[in-house]
Amino acid sequence: MRILVFQHVAAEHPGSFRDVMAREGHTMHAVELDEGEVIPPLDGFDLLLVMGGPMDVWETDKHPWLINEMAAIKEWVEARRPYLGLCFGHQLLAQALGGHVGLMAGAPEVGIAQVPLVADPIFVGVPELCTCFQWHGAEVQRLPEGAVLLASSEACPIQAFRLGDFAYGLQFHMELTETTAEEWGALPEYAKALERVRGPGSLPVIQAEVAANFVALNQAADRIFSNFLTIAAGALAGV
């Protein structure tokens, strides 16, 4: 399959998902929207993967390219084409299709978390209490009409959802590599959230947490993305 990837900062790329793509013979084309790259014609691709980023969905004055991105997401999903959004990509899916995203009522979520999952094809083979990684200060506060809630936690009531049969949003991250925490900790917006939640100088603590949970994170990432690719293949085949 031909996978179109929307990126919003160079450090937030598909990470370990690239290993799954390579193993299964899929190709990837990444568009770095924050650097002014233009969205290509959508009909040249089979599925859309939208990554995280340090901006917020309402910052269209600061990042005017968000308007075109959300329009493309809306067009894609309304055509019942396979979509997976992570963190900011999850929020963009909700906002573009009529939901609402806002700042979290409490402190940002940063670090390893255990999120309970609802049974769904994308989570087959994943533990019901999923080990994942969080780094966000905004959240989906209202789902689009017809969306199905797939994961919730005390800190963030909408951790995952499905819209239709083929579009998914996950607030949490699964795609980490061994250098992800270090790379994200270098981003000023993320460093600010980290300091607010975990205190000054806490990046090494986060890195240690990721290292201690990396096997579980990587296994869950592999399974979730492989499941999504199976869902996407079914969509393309009209199953």
Protein backbone atom coordinates (compact mmCIF):
# COMPACT_ATOMS: atom_id res chain seq x y z
CA MET A 1 0.00 0.00 0.00
CA ARG A 2 1.01 3.62 -0.52
CA ILE A 3 0.99 5.45 2.82
CA LEU A 4 0.68 9.23 3.00
CA VAL A 5 2.10 10.71 6.22
CA PHE A 6 1.36 14.19 7.54
CA GLN A 7 4.15 15.42 9.85
CA HIS A 8 4.12 18.61 11.90
CA VAL A 9 7.69 18.62 13.24
CA ALA A 10 10.63 16.54 12.04
CA ALA A 11 11.05 14.74 15.38
CA GLU A 12 7.49 13.33 15.25
CA HIS A 13 7.74 10.78 12.47
CA PRO A 14 6.26 7.27 12.18
CA GLY A 15 9.07 5.86 14.32
CA SER A 16 8.82 2.10 14.79
CA PHE A 17 5.86 1.96 12.41
CA ARG A 18 8.44 2.29 9.62
CA ASP A 19 9.77 -1.15 10.53
CA VAL A 20 6.29 -2.62 10.03
CA MET A 21 5.93 -0.83 6.69
CA ALA A 22 9.27 -2.20 5.49
CA ARG A 23 8.50 -5.72 6.71
CA GLU A 24 5.15 -5.80 4.93
CA GLY A 25 6.34 -4.12 1.74
CA HIS A 26 4.49 -0.82 2.00
CA THR A 27 5.84 2.54 0.82
CA MET A 28 5.65 5.87 2.66
CA HIS A 29 5.55 9.48 1.49
CA ALA A 30 5.94 12.04 4.29
CA VAL A 31 4.79 15.65 3.95
CA GLU A 32 6.39 18.07 6.44
CA LEU A 33 3.54 20.55 6.68
CA ASP A 34 5.25 22.85 9.19
CA GLU A 35 8.04 23.43 6.66
CA GLY A 36 5.64 24.48 3.91
CA GLU A 37 5.50 21.23 1.98
CA VAL A 38 2.31 20.89 -0.06
CA ILE A 39 -0.23 18.10 0.33
CA PRO A 40 -0.10 16.00 -2.86
CA PRO A 41 -3.20 14.73 -4.71
CA LEU A 42 -4.90 12.34 -2.29
CA ASP A 43 -5.92 9.83 -4.94
CA GLY A 44 -2.33 8.67 -5.22
CA PHE A 45 -2.41 7.02 -1.79
CA ASP A 46 -4.15 4.16 0.01
CA LEU A 47 -4.10 5.24 3.65
CA LEU A 48 -3.39 8.37 5.67
CA LEU A 49 -1.20 8.43 8.79
CA VAL A 50 -1.17 11.71 10.74
CA MET A 51 1.47 12.23 13.40
CA GLY A 52 1.79 14.38 16.51
CA GLY A 53 3.06 17.93 16.83
CA PRO A 54 3.64 20.78 19.29
CA MET A 55 0.91 23.04 17.90
CA ASP A 56 -2.83 23.03 18.67
CA VAL A 57 -5.75 22.60 16.27
CA TRP A 58 -7.11 26.09 16.95
CA GLU A 59 -3.82 27.83 16.05
CA THR A 60 -4.83 28.41 12.44
CA ASP A 61 -3.67 32.04 12.50
CA LYS A 62 -0.18 30.96 13.57
CA HIS A 63 -0.17 27.87 11.33
CA PRO A 64 -2.50 28.61 8.37
CA TRP A 65 -1.60 25.30 6.71
CA LEU A 66 -3.76 23.63 9.36
CA ILE A 67 -6.85 24.77 7.45
CA ASN A 68 -5.85 22.83 4.34
CA GLU A 69 -4.75 19.86 6.42
CA MET A 70 -8.08 19.57 8.22
CA ALA A 71 -9.92 19.97 4.91
CA ALA A 72 -7.87 17.12 3.45
CA ILE A 73 -8.54 14.94 6.51
CA LYS A 74 -12.28 15.63 6.27
CA GLU A 75 -12.32 14.78 2.56
CA TRP A 76 -10.33 11.60 3.16
CA VAL A 77 -12.41 10.27 6.03
CA GLU A 78 -15.76 11.16 4.50
CA ALA A 79 -14.69 9.07 1.49
CA ARG A 80 -14.37 6.11 3.93
CA ARG A 81 -10.64 5.78 3.39
CA PRO A 82 -8.31 4.33 6.09
CA TYR A 83 -6.99 6.91 8.56
CA LEU A 84 -4.85 6.66 11.69
CA GLY A 85 -4.04 9.73 13.77
CA LEU A 86 -1.71 9.79 16.77
CA CYS A 87 -1.88 12.48 19.48
CA PHE A 88 -2.21 15.69 17.40
CA GLY A 89 -3.41 13.53 14.51
CA HIS A 90 -6.12 12.14 16.80
CA GLN A 91 -7.16 15.67 17.73
CA LEU A 92 -7.16 16.80 14.09
CA LEU A 93 -9.48 13.93 13.16
CA ALA A 94 -11.96 14.95 15.84
CA GLN A 95 -11.83 18.67 15.03
CA ALA A 96 -12.02 18.20 11.25
CA LEU A 97 -15.08 15.94 11.46
CA GLY A 98 -17.16 18.09 13.83
CA GLY A 99 -15.82 17.28 17.29
CA HIS A 100 -14.08 19.69 19.63
CA VAL A 101 -10.55 19.90 21.04
CA GLY A 102 -9.47 22.06 23.99
CA LEU A 103 -6.88 22.35 26.70
CA MET A 104 -6.95 19.63 29.34
CA ALA A 105 -8.67 20.67 32.55
CA GLY A 106 -5.75 19.38 34.60
CA ALA A 107 -2.02 19.24 33.99
CA PRO A 108 -0.62 17.87 30.74
CA GLU A 109 -0.09 14.13 30.54
CA VAL A 110 3.60 13.26 30.17
CA GLY A 111 5.21 9.85 30.55
CA ILE A 112 4.41 6.16 30.52
CA ALA A 113 0.74 5.32 31.10
CA GLN A 114 -1.52 2.29 31.27
CA VAL A 115 -4.71 2.85 29.28
CA PRO A 116 -7.67 0.40 29.34
CA LEU A 117 -8.88 -0.50 25.85
CA VAL A 118 -12.28 -1.44 24.46
CA ALA A 119 -12.40 -4.49 22.18
CA ASP A 120 -11.93 -3.44 18.55
CA PRO A 121 -10.17 -4.86 15.46
CA ILE A 122 -7.30 -2.39 15.87
CA PHE A 123 -6.54 -3.69 19.37
CA VAL A 124 -6.63 -7.45 18.65
CA GLY A 125 -3.69 -9.11 20.40
CA VAL A 126 -2.96 -6.05 22.57
CA PRO A 127 -3.30 -6.32 26.38
CA GLU A 128 -6.56 -4.81 27.66
CA LEU A 129 -4.44 -2.51 29.82
CA CYS A 130 -2.14 -1.07 27.19
CA THR A 131 1.31 0.32 27.96
CA CYS A 132 1.67 3.58 26.05
CA PHE A 133 3.37 6.96 26.14
CA GLN A 134 1.75 10.35 26.66
CA TRP A 135 2.95 13.89 25.96
CA HIS A 136 -0.01 16.25 25.46
CA GLY A 137 -1.72 19.25 27.01
CA ALA A 138 -4.81 19.34 24.77
CA GLU A 139 -7.51 16.70 24.44
CA VAL A 140 -10.59 15.78 22.44
CA GLN A 141 -13.49 17.10 24.52
CA ARG A 142 -16.35 16.17 22.19
CA LEU A 143 -16.36 13.34 19.70
CA PRO A 144 -17.65 13.75 16.14
CA GLU A 145 -21.19 12.52 15.59
CA GLY A 146 -21.29 8.74 15.26
CA ALA A 147 -17.81 8.17 16.71
CA VAL A 148 -17.20 5.17 18.98
CA LEU A 149 -15.12 5.63 22.13
CA LEU A 150 -12.40 2.97 22.33
CA ALA A 151 -10.28 4.04 25.32
CA SER A 152 -10.67 6.32 28.31
CA SER A 153 -8.70 7.21 31.42
CA GLU A 154 -9.13 9.41 34.46
CA ALA A 155 -6.63 11.94 33.14
CA CYS A 156 -8.11 12.02 29.62
CA PRO A 157 -11.66 10.72 29.01
CA ILE A 158 -11.18 10.34 25.24
CA GLN A 159 -7.99 8.37 24.68
CA ALA A 160 -9.03 6.65 21.46
CA PHE A 161 -11.99 6.53 19.08
CA ARG A 162 -13.15 5.13 15.77
CA LEU A 163 -15.20 7.01 13.20
CA GLY A 164 -16.93 4.67 10.80
CA ASP A 165 -15.10 1.44 10.10
CA PHE A 166 -11.74 2.73 8.93
CA ALA A 167 -10.77 5.97 10.71
CA TYR A 168 -9.01 5.85 14.08
CA GLY A 169 -7.61 8.39 16.51
CA LEU A 170 -5.26 7.49 19.38
CA GLN A 171 -4.34 10.20 21.87
CA PHE A 172 -1.43 8.13 23.15
CA HIS A 173 1.82 7.30 21.39
CA MET A 174 2.94 3.77 20.47
CA GLU A 175 5.51 4.46 17.75
CA LEU A 176 8.50 5.29 19.94
CA THR A 177 12.07 4.44 19.08
CA GLU A 178 14.91 4.33 21.61
CA THR A 179 15.74 8.00 20.93
CA THR A 180 12.21 9.46 20.84
CA ALA A 181 12.10 10.84 24.40
CA GLU A 182 15.40 12.65 23.93
CA GLU A 183 14.31 14.12 20.59
CA TRP A 184 10.94 15.31 21.90
CA GLY A 185 12.50 16.68 25.08
CA ALA A 186 14.54 19.04 22.90
CA LEU A 187 11.37 20.73 21.57
CA PRO A 188 10.64 23.89 23.60
CA GLU A 189 6.88 23.31 23.77
CA TYR A 190 7.34 19.76 25.02
CA ALA A 191 10.11 20.70 27.43
CA LYS A 192 7.77 23.26 29.01
CA ALA A 193 5.03 20.66 29.52
CA LEU A 194 7.55 18.18 30.90
CA GLU A 195 8.88 20.70 33.43
CA ARG A 196 5.36 21.65 34.51
CA VAL A 197 4.29 18.05 35.11
CA ARG A 198 7.46 16.28 36.18
CA GLY A 199 9.69 19.13 37.39
CA PRO A 200 12.93 20.69 36.13
CA GLY A 201 15.57 18.31 34.88
CA SER A 202 13.16 15.39 34.55
CA LEU A 203 13.98 14.36 30.97
CA PRO A 204 16.43 11.62 32.13
CA VAL A 205 13.62 10.20 34.30
CA ILE A 206 11.32 10.04 31.28
CA GLN A 207 14.06 8.42 29.21
CA ALA A 208 14.55 5.79 31.92
CA GLU A 209 10.81 5.09 32.03
CA VAL A 210 10.71 4.60 28.27
CA ALA A 211 13.73 2.31 28.38
CA ALA A 212 12.17 0.20 31.14
CA ASN A 213 8.93 -0.18 29.17
CA PHE A 214 10.34 -0.21 25.65
CA VAL A 215 9.70 -3.88 24.90
CA ALA A 216 6.01 -3.58 25.85
CA LEU A 217 5.67 -0.31 23.90
CA ASN A 218 7.31 -1.77 20.83
CA GLN A 219 5.24 -4.95 20.88
CA ALA A 220 1.99 -3.01 21.24
CA ALA A 221 3.02 -0.59 18.47
CA ASP A 222 3.80 -3.47 16.12
CA ARG A 223 0.47 -5.17 16.82
CA ILE A 224 -1.68 -2.02 16.61
CA PHE A 225 -0.13 -0.80 13.37
CA SER A 226 -0.21 -4.28 11.81
CA ASN A 227 -3.90 -4.50 12.75
CA PHE A 228 -4.56 -1.12 11.20
CA LEU A 229 -2.84 -2.17 7.98
CA THR A 230 -5.08 -5.24 7.88
CA ILE A 231 -8.13 -3.00 8.39
CA ALA A 232 -6.89 -0.72 5.61
CA ALA A 233 -6.35 -3.64 3.23
CA GLY A 234 -9.92 -4.76 3.90
CA ALA A 235 -11.23 -1.28 3.20
CA LEU A 236 -9.35 -1.12 -0.10
CA ALA A 237 -10.66 -4.55 -1.06
CA GLY A 238 -14.21 -3.52 -0.22
CA VAL A 239 -14.53 -6.09 2.58
